[in-house]
Full PDB file with SEQRES, HELIX, SHEET, SSBOND, CRYST1, ORIGX, SCALE, CONECT and MASTER records, all heavy atoms in Angstrom:
SEQRES   1 A   34  ASP SER VAL LYS GLY ARG PHE THR ILE SER ARG ASN ASN          
SEQRES   2 A   34  VAL LYS ASN MET VAL TYR LEU GLN MET ASN ASP LEU LYS          
SEQRES   3 A   34  ALA GLU ASP THR ALA VAL TYR TYR                              
HELIX    1 AA1 ALA A   27  ASP A   29  5                                   3    
SHEET    1 AA1 2 PHE A   7  ASN A  12  0                                        
SHEET    2 AA1 2 MET A  17  MET A  22 -1                                        
CRYST1    1.000    1.000    1.000  90.00  90.00  90.00 P 1           1          
ORIGX1      1.000000  0.000000  0.000000        0.00000                         
ORIGX2      0.000000  1.000000  0.000000        0.00000                         
ORIGX3      0.000000  0.000000  1.000000        0.00000                         
SCALE1      1.000000  0.000000  0.000000        0.00000                         
SCALE2      0.000000  1.000000  0.000000        0.00000                         
SCALE3      0.000000  0.000000  1.000000        0.00000                         
ATOM      1  N   ASP A   1      10.832   4.119   3.718  1.00  0.00           N  
ATOM      2  CA  ASP A   1      11.725   4.452   2.582  1.00  0.00           C  
ATOM      3  C   ASP A   1      11.767   3.284   1.525  1.00  0.00           C  
ATOM      4  O   ASP A   1      11.859   3.627   0.443  1.00  0.00           O  
ATOM      5  CB  ASP A   1      13.246   4.622   3.056  1.00  0.00           C  
ATOM      6  CG  ASP A   1      13.363   5.947   3.867  1.00  0.00           C  
ATOM      7  OD1 ASP A   1      12.529   6.813   3.791  1.00  0.00           O  
ATOM      8  OD2 ASP A   1      14.289   6.052   4.617  1.00  0.00           O  
ATOM      9  N   SER A   2      11.539   2.154   1.979  1.00  0.00           N  
ATOM     10  CA  SER A   2      11.586   1.043   1.125  1.00  0.00           C  
ATOM     11  C   SER A   2      10.412   0.908   0.047  1.00  0.00           C  
ATOM     12  O   SER A   2      10.487   0.269  -0.960  1.00  0.00           O  
ATOM     13  CB  SER A   2      11.678  -0.310   1.864  1.00  0.00           C  
ATOM     14  OG  SER A   2      10.467  -0.441   2.663  1.00  0.00           O  
ATOM     15  N   VAL A   3       9.363   1.675   0.297  1.00  0.00           N  
ATOM     16  CA  VAL A   3       8.158   1.606  -0.489  1.00  0.00           C  
ATOM     17  C   VAL A   3       7.815   2.977  -1.209  1.00  0.00           C  
ATOM     18  O   VAL A   3       6.974   3.038  -2.020  1.00  0.00           O  
ATOM     19  CB  VAL A   3       6.947   1.113   0.257  1.00  0.00           C  
ATOM     20  CG1 VAL A   3       7.245  -0.193   0.897  1.00  0.00           C  
ATOM     21  CG2 VAL A   3       6.443   2.194   1.222  1.00  0.00           C  
ATOM     22  N   LYS A   4       8.611   4.015  -0.859  1.00  0.00           N  
ATOM     23  CA  LYS A   4       8.331   5.274  -1.422  1.00  0.00           C  
ATOM     24  C   LYS A   4       8.478   5.212  -2.959  1.00  0.00           C  
ATOM     25  O   LYS A   4       9.416   4.723  -3.456  1.00  0.00           O  
ATOM     26  CB  LYS A   4       9.342   6.306  -0.863  1.00  0.00           C  
ATOM     27  CG  LYS A   4       8.998   6.809   0.477  1.00  0.00           C  
ATOM     28  CD  LYS A   4      10.117   7.866   1.032  1.00  0.00           C  
ATOM     29  CE  LYS A   4       9.690   8.294   2.428  1.00  0.00           C  
ATOM     30  NZ  LYS A   4      10.692   9.282   2.952  1.00  0.00           N  
ATOM     31  N   GLY A   5       7.568   5.856  -3.609  1.00  0.00           N  
ATOM     32  CA  GLY A   5       7.552   5.857  -5.129  1.00  0.00           C  
ATOM     33  C   GLY A   5       6.953   4.613  -5.702  1.00  0.00           C  
ATOM     34  O   GLY A   5       6.660   4.626  -6.942  1.00  0.00           O  
ATOM     35  N   ARG A   6       6.528   3.631  -4.913  1.00  0.00           N  
ATOM     36  CA  ARG A   6       5.962   2.429  -5.374  1.00  0.00           C  
ATOM     37  C   ARG A   6       4.599   2.173  -4.843  1.00  0.00           C  
ATOM     38  O   ARG A   6       3.648   1.686  -5.455  1.00  0.00           O  
ATOM     39  CB  ARG A   6       6.843   1.176  -5.056  1.00  0.00           C  
ATOM     40  CG  ARG A   6       8.164   1.273  -5.718  1.00  0.00           C  
ATOM     41  CD  ARG A   6       8.973  -0.146  -5.522  1.00  0.00           C  
ATOM     42  NE  ARG A   6       9.229  -0.415  -4.125  1.00  0.00           N  
ATOM     43  CZ  ARG A   6       8.749  -1.512  -3.561  1.00  0.00           C  
ATOM     44  NH1 ARG A   6       8.104  -2.437  -4.232  1.00  0.00           N  
ATOM     45  NH2 ARG A   6       9.029  -1.748  -2.268  1.00  0.00           N  
ATOM     46  N   PHE A   7       4.424   2.537  -3.533  1.00  0.00           N  
ATOM     47  CA  PHE A   7       3.087   2.364  -2.888  1.00  0.00           C  
ATOM     48  C   PHE A   7       2.455   3.682  -2.605  1.00  0.00           C  
ATOM     49  O   PHE A   7       3.102   4.676  -2.439  1.00  0.00           O  
ATOM     50  CB  PHE A   7       3.349   1.666  -1.486  1.00  0.00           C  
ATOM     51  CG  PHE A   7       3.832   0.309  -1.536  1.00  0.00           C  
ATOM     52  CD1 PHE A   7       4.326  -0.410  -2.694  1.00  0.00           C  
ATOM     53  CD2 PHE A   7       3.913  -0.516  -0.309  1.00  0.00           C  
ATOM     54  CE1 PHE A   7       4.751  -1.607  -2.717  1.00  0.00           C  
ATOM     55  CE2 PHE A   7       4.314  -1.876  -0.273  1.00  0.00           C  
ATOM     56  CZ  PHE A   7       4.757  -2.332  -1.536  1.00  0.00           C  
ATOM     57  N   THR A   8       1.054   3.593  -2.627  1.00  0.00           N  
ATOM     58  CA  THR A   8       0.313   4.847  -2.341  1.00  0.00           C  
ATOM     59  C   THR A   8      -0.846   4.443  -1.434  1.00  0.00           C  
ATOM     60  O   THR A   8      -1.622   3.521  -1.718  1.00  0.00           O  
ATOM     61  CB  THR A   8      -0.238   5.373  -3.574  1.00  0.00           C  
ATOM     62  OG1 THR A   8       0.732   5.679  -4.537  1.00  0.00           O  
ATOM     63  CG2 THR A   8      -1.086   6.649  -3.316  1.00  0.00           C  
ATOM     64  N   ILE A   9      -0.929   5.153  -0.310  1.00  0.00           N  
ATOM     65  CA  ILE A   9      -2.052   4.899   0.701  1.00  0.00           C  
ATOM     66  C   ILE A   9      -3.075   6.079   0.455  1.00  0.00           C  
ATOM     67  O   ILE A   9      -2.728   7.249   0.120  1.00  0.00           O  
ATOM     68  CB  ILE A   9      -1.421   5.034   2.167  1.00  0.00           C  
ATOM     69  CG1 ILE A   9      -2.565   4.598   3.095  1.00  0.00           C  
ATOM     70  CG2 ILE A   9      -0.946   6.380   2.482  1.00  0.00           C  
ATOM     71  CD1 ILE A   9      -2.118   4.465   4.537  1.00  0.00           C  
ATOM     72  N   SER A  10      -4.314   5.629   0.502  1.00  0.00           N  
ATOM     73  CA  SER A  10      -5.417   6.624   0.395  1.00  0.00           C  
ATOM     74  C   SER A  10      -6.624   6.060   1.260  1.00  0.00           C  
ATOM     75  O   SER A  10      -6.603   5.029   1.790  1.00  0.00           O  
ATOM     76  CB  SER A  10      -5.831   6.693  -1.067  1.00  0.00           C  
ATOM     77  OG  SER A  10      -6.377   5.432  -1.525  1.00  0.00           O  
ATOM     78  N   ARG A  11      -7.537   7.062   1.498  1.00  0.00           N  
ATOM     79  CA  ARG A  11      -8.631   6.716   2.250  1.00  0.00           C  
ATOM     80  C   ARG A  11      -9.882   7.357   1.690  1.00  0.00           C  
ATOM     81  O   ARG A  11      -9.945   8.419   1.093  1.00  0.00           O  
ATOM     82  CB  ARG A  11      -8.408   7.197   3.733  1.00  0.00           C  
ATOM     83  CG  ARG A  11      -8.275   8.643   3.936  1.00  0.00           C  
ATOM     84  CD  ARG A  11      -7.843   9.036   5.335  1.00  0.00           C  
ATOM     85  NE  ARG A  11      -8.915   8.781   6.370  1.00  0.00           N  
ATOM     86  CZ  ARG A  11      -8.679   8.926   7.635  1.00  0.00           C  
ATOM     87  NH1 ARG A  11      -7.458   9.218   8.154  1.00  0.00           N  
ATOM     88  NH2 ARG A  11      -9.638   8.648   8.499  1.00  0.00           N  
ATOM     89  N   ASN A  12     -11.133   6.737   2.027  1.00  0.00           N  
ATOM     90  CA  ASN A  12     -12.406   7.200   1.641  1.00  0.00           C  
ATOM     91  C   ASN A  12     -13.144   7.255   2.927  1.00  0.00           C  
ATOM     92  O   ASN A  12     -13.607   6.292   3.479  1.00  0.00           O  
ATOM     93  CB  ASN A  12     -12.997   6.318   0.664  1.00  0.00           C  
ATOM     94  CG  ASN A  12     -14.379   6.831   0.153  1.00  0.00           C  
ATOM     95  OD1 ASN A  12     -15.173   7.291   0.930  1.00  0.00           O  
ATOM     96  ND2 ASN A  12     -14.594   6.577  -1.106  1.00  0.00           N  
ATOM     97  N   ASN A  13     -13.281   8.517   3.442  1.00  0.00           N  
ATOM     98  CA  ASN A  13     -13.916   8.652   4.734  1.00  0.00           C  
ATOM     99  C   ASN A  13     -15.383   8.351   4.752  1.00  0.00           C  
ATOM    100  O   ASN A  13     -16.011   7.980   5.749  1.00  0.00           O  
ATOM    101  CB  ASN A  13     -13.700  10.095   5.258  1.00  0.00           C  
ATOM    102  CG  ASN A  13     -12.183  10.325   5.629  1.00  0.00           C  
ATOM    103  OD1 ASN A  13     -11.464   9.413   6.053  1.00  0.00           O  
ATOM    104  ND2 ASN A  13     -11.796  11.538   5.476  1.00  0.00           N  
ATOM    105  N   VAL A  14     -16.060   8.480   3.598  1.00  0.00           N  
ATOM    106  CA  VAL A  14     -17.412   8.286   3.439  1.00  0.00           C  
ATOM    107  C   VAL A  14     -17.695   6.765   3.532  1.00  0.00           C  
ATOM    108  O   VAL A  14     -18.664   6.310   4.260  1.00  0.00           O  
ATOM    109  CB  VAL A  14     -18.038   8.802   2.112  1.00  0.00           C  
ATOM    110  CG1 VAL A  14     -19.455   8.403   1.941  1.00  0.00           C  
ATOM    111  CG2 VAL A  14     -17.867  10.357   2.138  1.00  0.00           C  
ATOM    112  N   LYS A  15     -16.866   5.985   2.928  1.00  0.00           N  
ATOM    113  CA  LYS A  15     -16.987   4.484   2.950  1.00  0.00           C  
ATOM    114  C   LYS A  15     -16.219   3.900   4.076  1.00  0.00           C  
ATOM    115  O   LYS A  15     -16.376   2.645   4.219  1.00  0.00           O  
ATOM    116  CB  LYS A  15     -16.494   3.950   1.567  1.00  0.00           C  
ATOM    117  CG  LYS A  15     -17.369   4.390   0.368  1.00  0.00           C  
ATOM    118  CD  LYS A  15     -16.874   3.654  -0.879  1.00  0.00           C  
ATOM    119  CE  LYS A  15     -17.715   4.052  -2.082  1.00  0.00           C  
ATOM    120  NZ  LYS A  15     -17.242   3.404  -3.265  1.00  0.00           N  
ATOM    121  N   ASN A  16     -15.502   4.694   4.873  1.00  0.00           N  
ATOM    122  CA  ASN A  16     -14.685   4.140   5.898  1.00  0.00           C  
ATOM    123  C   ASN A  16     -13.697   3.022   5.435  1.00  0.00           C  
ATOM    124  O   ASN A  16     -13.564   1.949   5.964  1.00  0.00           O  
ATOM    125  CB  ASN A  16     -15.531   3.601   7.004  1.00  0.00           C  
ATOM    126  CG  ASN A  16     -16.313   4.640   7.801  1.00  0.00           C  
ATOM    127  OD1 ASN A  16     -15.868   5.706   8.036  1.00  0.00           O  
ATOM    128  ND2 ASN A  16     -17.609   4.264   8.151  1.00  0.00           N  
ATOM    129  N   MET A  17     -13.037   3.410   4.404  1.00  0.00           N  
ATOM    130  CA  MET A  17     -12.079   2.481   3.694  1.00  0.00           C  
ATOM    131  C   MET A  17     -10.742   3.147   3.643  1.00  0.00           C  
ATOM    132  O   MET A  17     -10.573   4.398   3.509  1.00  0.00           O  
ATOM    133  CB  MET A  17     -12.503   2.208   2.264  1.00  0.00           C  
ATOM    134  CG  MET A  17     -13.876   1.384   2.239  1.00  0.00           C  
ATOM    135  SD  MET A  17     -13.746  -0.302   2.771  1.00  0.00           S  
ATOM    136  CE  MET A  17     -12.654  -0.990   1.527  1.00  0.00           C  
ATOM    137  N   VAL A  18      -9.703   2.301   3.770  1.00  0.00           N  
ATOM    138  CA  VAL A  18      -8.317   2.698   3.527  1.00  0.00           C  
ATOM    139  C   VAL A  18      -7.691   1.755   2.513  1.00  0.00           C  
ATOM    140  O   VAL A  18      -8.002   0.510   2.607  1.00  0.00           O  
ATOM    141  CB  VAL A  18      -7.459   2.709   4.854  1.00  0.00           C  
ATOM    142  CG1 VAL A  18      -6.019   3.054   4.554  1.00  0.00           C  
ATOM    143  CG2 VAL A  18      -8.094   3.615   5.931  1.00  0.00           C  
ATOM    144  N   TYR A  19      -6.976   2.303   1.630  1.00  0.00           N  
ATOM    145  CA  TYR A  19      -6.389   1.440   0.517  1.00  0.00           C  
ATOM    146  C   TYR A  19      -4.831   1.552   0.520  1.00  0.00           C  
ATOM    147  O   TYR A  19      -4.241   2.597   0.910  1.00  0.00           O  
ATOM    148  CB  TYR A  19      -6.899   1.928  -0.796  1.00  0.00           C  
ATOM    149  CG  TYR A  19      -8.478   1.991  -0.898  1.00  0.00           C  
ATOM    150  CD1 TYR A  19      -9.093   3.182  -0.670  1.00  0.00           C  
ATOM    151  CD2 TYR A  19      -9.192   0.904  -1.126  1.00  0.00           C  
ATOM    152  CE1 TYR A  19     -10.488   3.243  -0.743  1.00  0.00           C  
ATOM    153  CE2 TYR A  19     -10.574   0.895  -1.156  1.00  0.00           C  
ATOM    154  CZ  TYR A  19     -11.190   2.156  -0.948  1.00  0.00           C  
ATOM    155  OH  TYR A  19     -12.532   2.143  -1.005  1.00  0.00           O  
ATOM    156  N   LEU A  20      -4.217   0.543   0.013  1.00  0.00           N  
ATOM    157  CA  LEU A  20      -2.856   0.556  -0.248  1.00  0.00           C  
ATOM    158  C   LEU A  20      -2.597   0.089  -1.696  1.00  0.00           C  
ATOM    159  O   LEU A  20      -2.675  -1.164  -1.919  1.00  0.00           O  
ATOM    160  CB  LEU A  20      -2.068  -0.191   0.772  1.00  0.00           C  
ATOM    161  CG  LEU A  20      -0.474  -0.137   0.666  1.00  0.00           C  
ATOM    162  CD1 LEU A  20      -0.006   1.228   1.004  1.00  0.00           C  
ATOM    163  CD2 LEU A  20       0.198  -1.259   1.463  1.00  0.00           C  
ATOM    164  N   GLN A  21      -2.315   0.938  -2.645  1.00  0.00           N  
ATOM    165  CA  GLN A  21      -1.907   0.564  -3.948  1.00  0.00           C  
ATOM    166  C   GLN A  21      -0.435   0.274  -3.999  1.00  0.00           C  
ATOM    167  O   GLN A  21       0.426   1.130  -3.692  1.00  0.00           O  
ATOM    168  CB  GLN A  21      -2.233   1.688  -4.930  1.00  0.00           C  
ATOM    169  CG  GLN A  21      -1.875   1.452  -6.358  1.00  0.00           C  
ATOM    170  CD  GLN A  21      -2.727   0.285  -6.982  1.00  0.00           C  
ATOM    171  OE1 GLN A  21      -3.918   0.174  -6.757  1.00  0.00           O  
ATOM    172  NE2 GLN A  21      -2.071  -0.589  -7.667  1.00  0.00           N  
ATOM    173  N   MET A  22      -0.114  -0.942  -4.397  1.00  0.00           N  
ATOM    174  CA  MET A  22       1.317  -1.369  -4.426  1.00  0.00           C  
ATOM    175  C   MET A  22       1.666  -1.693  -5.887  1.00  0.00           C  
ATOM    176  O   MET A  22       1.133  -2.622  -6.522  1.00  0.00           O  
ATOM    177  CB  MET A  22       1.457  -2.578  -3.572  1.00  0.00           C  
ATOM    178  CG  MET A  22       0.949  -2.440  -2.070  1.00  0.00           C  
ATOM    179  SD  MET A  22       1.295  -3.825  -1.076  1.00  0.00           S  
ATOM    180  CE  MET A  22       0.236  -5.092  -1.806  1.00  0.00           C  
ATOM    181  N   ASN A  23       2.662  -0.913  -6.337  1.00  0.00           N  
ATOM    182  CA  ASN A  23       3.181  -1.119  -7.691  1.00  0.00           C  
ATOM    183  C   ASN A  23       4.549  -1.622  -7.724  1.00  0.00           C  
ATOM    184  O   ASN A  23       5.337  -1.404  -6.754  1.00  0.00           O  
ATOM    185  CB  ASN A  23       3.011   0.032  -8.469  1.00  0.00           C  
ATOM    186  CG  ASN A  23       1.561   0.497  -8.649  1.00  0.00           C  
ATOM    187  OD1 ASN A  23       0.638  -0.243  -8.697  1.00  0.00           O  
ATOM    188  ND2 ASN A  23       1.313   1.866  -8.712  1.00  0.00           N  
ATOM    189  N   ASP A  24       5.030  -2.151  -8.814  1.00  0.00           N  
ATOM    190  CA  ASP A  24       6.376  -2.543  -8.954  1.00  0.00           C  
ATOM    191  C   ASP A  24       6.782  -3.402  -7.767  1.00  0.00           C  
ATOM    192  O   ASP A  24       7.890  -3.125  -7.085  1.00  0.00           O  
ATOM    193  CB  ASP A  24       7.364  -1.393  -9.046  1.00  0.00           C  
ATOM    194  CG  ASP A  24       8.739  -1.728  -9.456  1.00  0.00           C  
ATOM    195  OD1 ASP A  24       8.938  -2.881 -10.026  1.00  0.00           O  
ATOM    196  OD2 ASP A  24       9.638  -0.935  -9.141  1.00  0.00           O  
ATOM    197  N   LEU A  25       6.014  -4.456  -7.465  1.00  0.00           N  
ATOM    198  CA  LEU A  25       6.348  -5.265  -6.243  1.00  0.00           C  
ATOM    199  C   LEU A  25       7.574  -6.107  -6.414  1.00  0.00           C  
ATOM    200  O   LEU A  25       7.943  -6.481  -7.506  1.00  0.00           O  
ATOM    201  CB  LEU A  25       5.116  -6.184  -5.984  1.00  0.00           C  
ATOM    202  CG  LEU A  25       3.901  -5.489  -5.317  1.00  0.00           C  
ATOM    203  CD1 LEU A  25       2.620  -6.297  -5.541  1.00  0.00           C  
ATOM    204  CD2 LEU A  25       4.214  -5.190  -3.876  1.00  0.00           C  
ATOM    205  N   LYS A  26       8.261  -6.233  -5.277  1.00  0.00           N  
ATOM    206  CA  LYS A  26       9.513  -6.963  -5.272  1.00  0.00           C  
ATOM    207  C   LYS A  26       9.340  -8.109  -4.265  1.00  0.00           C  
ATOM    208  O   LYS A  26       8.537  -8.150  -3.381  1.00  0.00           O  
ATOM    209  CB  LYS A  26      10.660  -6.025  -4.823  1.00  0.00           C  
ATOM    210  CG  LYS A  26      10.702  -4.770  -5.534  1.00  0.00           C  
ATOM    211  CD  LYS A  26      11.876  -3.857  -4.968  1.00  0.00           C  
ATOM    212  CE  LYS A  26      11.925  -2.611  -5.829  1.00  0.00           C  
ATOM    213  NZ  LYS A  26      12.990  -1.684  -5.309  1.00  0.00           N  
ATOM    214  N   ALA A  27      10.246  -9.058  -4.399  1.00  0.00           N  
ATOM    215  CA  ALA A  27      10.194 -10.304  -3.529  1.00  0.00           C  
ATOM    216  C   ALA A  27      10.243  -9.868  -2.074  1.00  0.00           C  
ATOM    217  O   ALA A  27       9.548 -10.523  -1.248  1.00  0.00           O  
ATOM    218  CB  ALA A  27      11.307 -11.267  -3.903  1.00  0.00           C  
ATOM    219  N   GLU A  28      10.999  -8.828  -1.788  1.00  0.00           N  
ATOM    220  CA  GLU A  28      11.147  -8.432  -0.332  1.00  0.00           C  
ATOM    221  C   GLU A  28       9.839  -7.764   0.179  1.00  0.00           C  
ATOM    222  O   GLU A  28       9.837  -7.412   1.438  1.00  0.00           O  
ATOM    223  CB  GLU A  28      12.345  -7.509  -0.172  1.00  0.00           C  
ATOM    224  CG  GLU A  28      12.365  -6.340  -1.167  1.00  0.00           C  
ATOM    225  CD  GLU A  28      13.259  -6.678  -2.364  1.00  0.00           C  
ATOM    226  OE1 GLU A  28      13.172  -7.866  -2.916  1.00  0.00           O  
ATOM    227  OE2 GLU A  28      13.953  -5.672  -2.769  1.00  0.00           O  
ATOM    228  N   ASP A  29       8.832  -7.520  -0.645  1.00  0.00           N  
ATOM    229  CA  ASP A  29       7.578  -7.006  -0.123  1.00  0.00           C  
ATOM    230  C   ASP A  29       6.699  -8.202   0.378  1.00  0.00           C  
ATOM    231  O   ASP A  29       5.664  -7.917   0.938  1.00  0.00           O  
ATOM    232  CB  ASP A  29       6.817  -6.275  -1.281  1.00  0.00           C  
ATOM    233  CG  ASP A  29       7.598  -5.053  -1.731  1.00  0.00           C  
ATOM    234  OD1 ASP A  29       8.053  -4.333  -0.885  1.00  0.00           O  
ATOM    235  OD2 ASP A  29       7.619  -4.854  -2.947  1.00  0.00           O  
ATOM    236  N   THR A  30       7.157  -9.392   0.168  1.00  0.00           N  
ATOM    237  CA  THR A  30       6.408 -10.556   0.664  1.00  0.00           C  
ATOM    238  C   THR A  30       6.241 -10.386   2.207  1.00  0.00           C  
ATOM    239  O   THR A  30       7.231 -10.387   2.935  1.00  0.00           O  
ATOM    240  CB  THR A  30       7.049 -11.905   0.336  1.00  0.00           C  
ATOM    241  OG1 THR A  30       7.054 -11.935  -1.138  1.00  0.00           O  
ATOM    242  CG2 THR A  30       6.336 -13.075   0.940  1.00  0.00           C  
ATOM    243  N   ALA A  31       4.971 -10.476   2.688  1.00  0.00           N  
ATOM    244  CA  ALA A  31       4.724 -10.375   4.089  1.00  0.00           C  
ATOM    245  C   ALA A  31       3.208 -10.463   4.322  1.00  0.00           C  
ATOM    246  O   ALA A  31       2.471 -10.475   3.388  1.00  0.00           O  
ATOM    247  CB  ALA A  31       5.220  -9.029   4.613  1.00  0.00           C  
ATOM    248  N   VAL A  32       2.874 -10.520   5.585  1.00  0.00           N  
ATOM    249  CA  VAL A  32       1.494 -10.355   5.931  1.00  0.00           C  
ATOM    250  C   VAL A  32       1.248  -8.822   6.201  1.00  0.00           C  
ATOM    251  O   VAL A  32       2.069  -8.261   6.970  1.00  0.00           O  
ATOM    252  CB  VAL A  32       1.097 -11.173   7.195  1.00  0.00           C  
ATOM    253  CG1 VAL A  32      -0.324 -10.825   7.618  1.00  0.00           C  
ATOM    254  CG2 VAL A  32       1.270 -12.612   6.937  1.00  0.00           C  
ATOM    255  N   TYR A  33       0.254  -8.269   5.565  1.00  0.00           N  
ATOM    256  CA  TYR A  33       0.049  -6.877   5.705  1.00  0.00           C  
ATOM    257  C   TYR A  33      -1.184  -6.652   6.588  1.00  0.00           C  
ATOM    258  O   TYR A  33      -2.280  -7.247   6.463  1.00  0.00           O  
ATOM    259  CB  TYR A  33      -0.288  -6.238   4.276  1.00  0.00           C  
ATOM    260  CG  TYR A  33       0.929  -6.125   3.582  1.00  0.00           C  
ATOM    261  CD1 TYR A  33       1.688  -7.184   3.005  1.00  0.00           C  
ATOM    262  CD2 TYR A  33       1.467  -4.807   3.262  1.00  0.00           C  
ATOM    263  CE1 TYR A  33       2.851  -7.021   2.334  1.00  0.00           C  
ATOM    264  CE2 TYR A  33       2.677  -4.602   2.541  1.00  0.00           C  
ATOM    265  CZ  TYR A  33       3.372  -5.759   2.050  1.00  0.00           C  
ATOM    266  OH  TYR A  33       4.431  -5.546   1.370  1.00  0.00           O  
ATOM    267  N   TYR A  34      -1.003  -5.752   7.601  1.00  0.00           N  
ATOM    268  CA  TYR A  34      -1.992  -5.450   8.569  1.00  0.00           C  
ATOM    269  C   TYR A  34      -2.485  -4.061   8.520  1.00  0.00           C  
ATOM    270  O   TYR A  34      -1.585  -3.116   8.383  1.00  0.00           O  
ATOM    271  CB  TYR A  34      -1.430  -5.640   9.945  1.00  0.00           C  
ATOM    272  CG  TYR A  34      -1.022  -7.106  10.293  1.00  0.00           C  
ATOM    273  CD1 TYR A  34       0.247  -7.485  10.029  1.00  0.00           C  
ATOM    274  CD2 TYR A  34      -1.898  -8.008  10.873  1.00  0.00           C  
ATOM    275  CE1 TYR A  34       0.688  -8.866  10.365  1.00  0.00           C  
ATOM    276  CE2 TYR A  34      -1.499  -9.289  11.160  1.00  0.00           C  
ATOM    277  CZ  TYR A  34      -0.224  -9.708  10.850  1.00  0.00           C  
ATOM    278  OH  TYR A  34       0.164 -10.981  11.127  1.00  0.00           O  
TER     279      TYR A  34                                                      
MASTER        0    0    0    1    2    0    0    6  278    1    0    3          
END                                                                             
């Protein structure tokens, strides 16, 4: 809920990649992302 409307996850199955687009970042988003 805390990231809805700001973050978007997507994947490219051909390239075997997953992405996380993060917009309107806030201080509380500070973390290690796995």
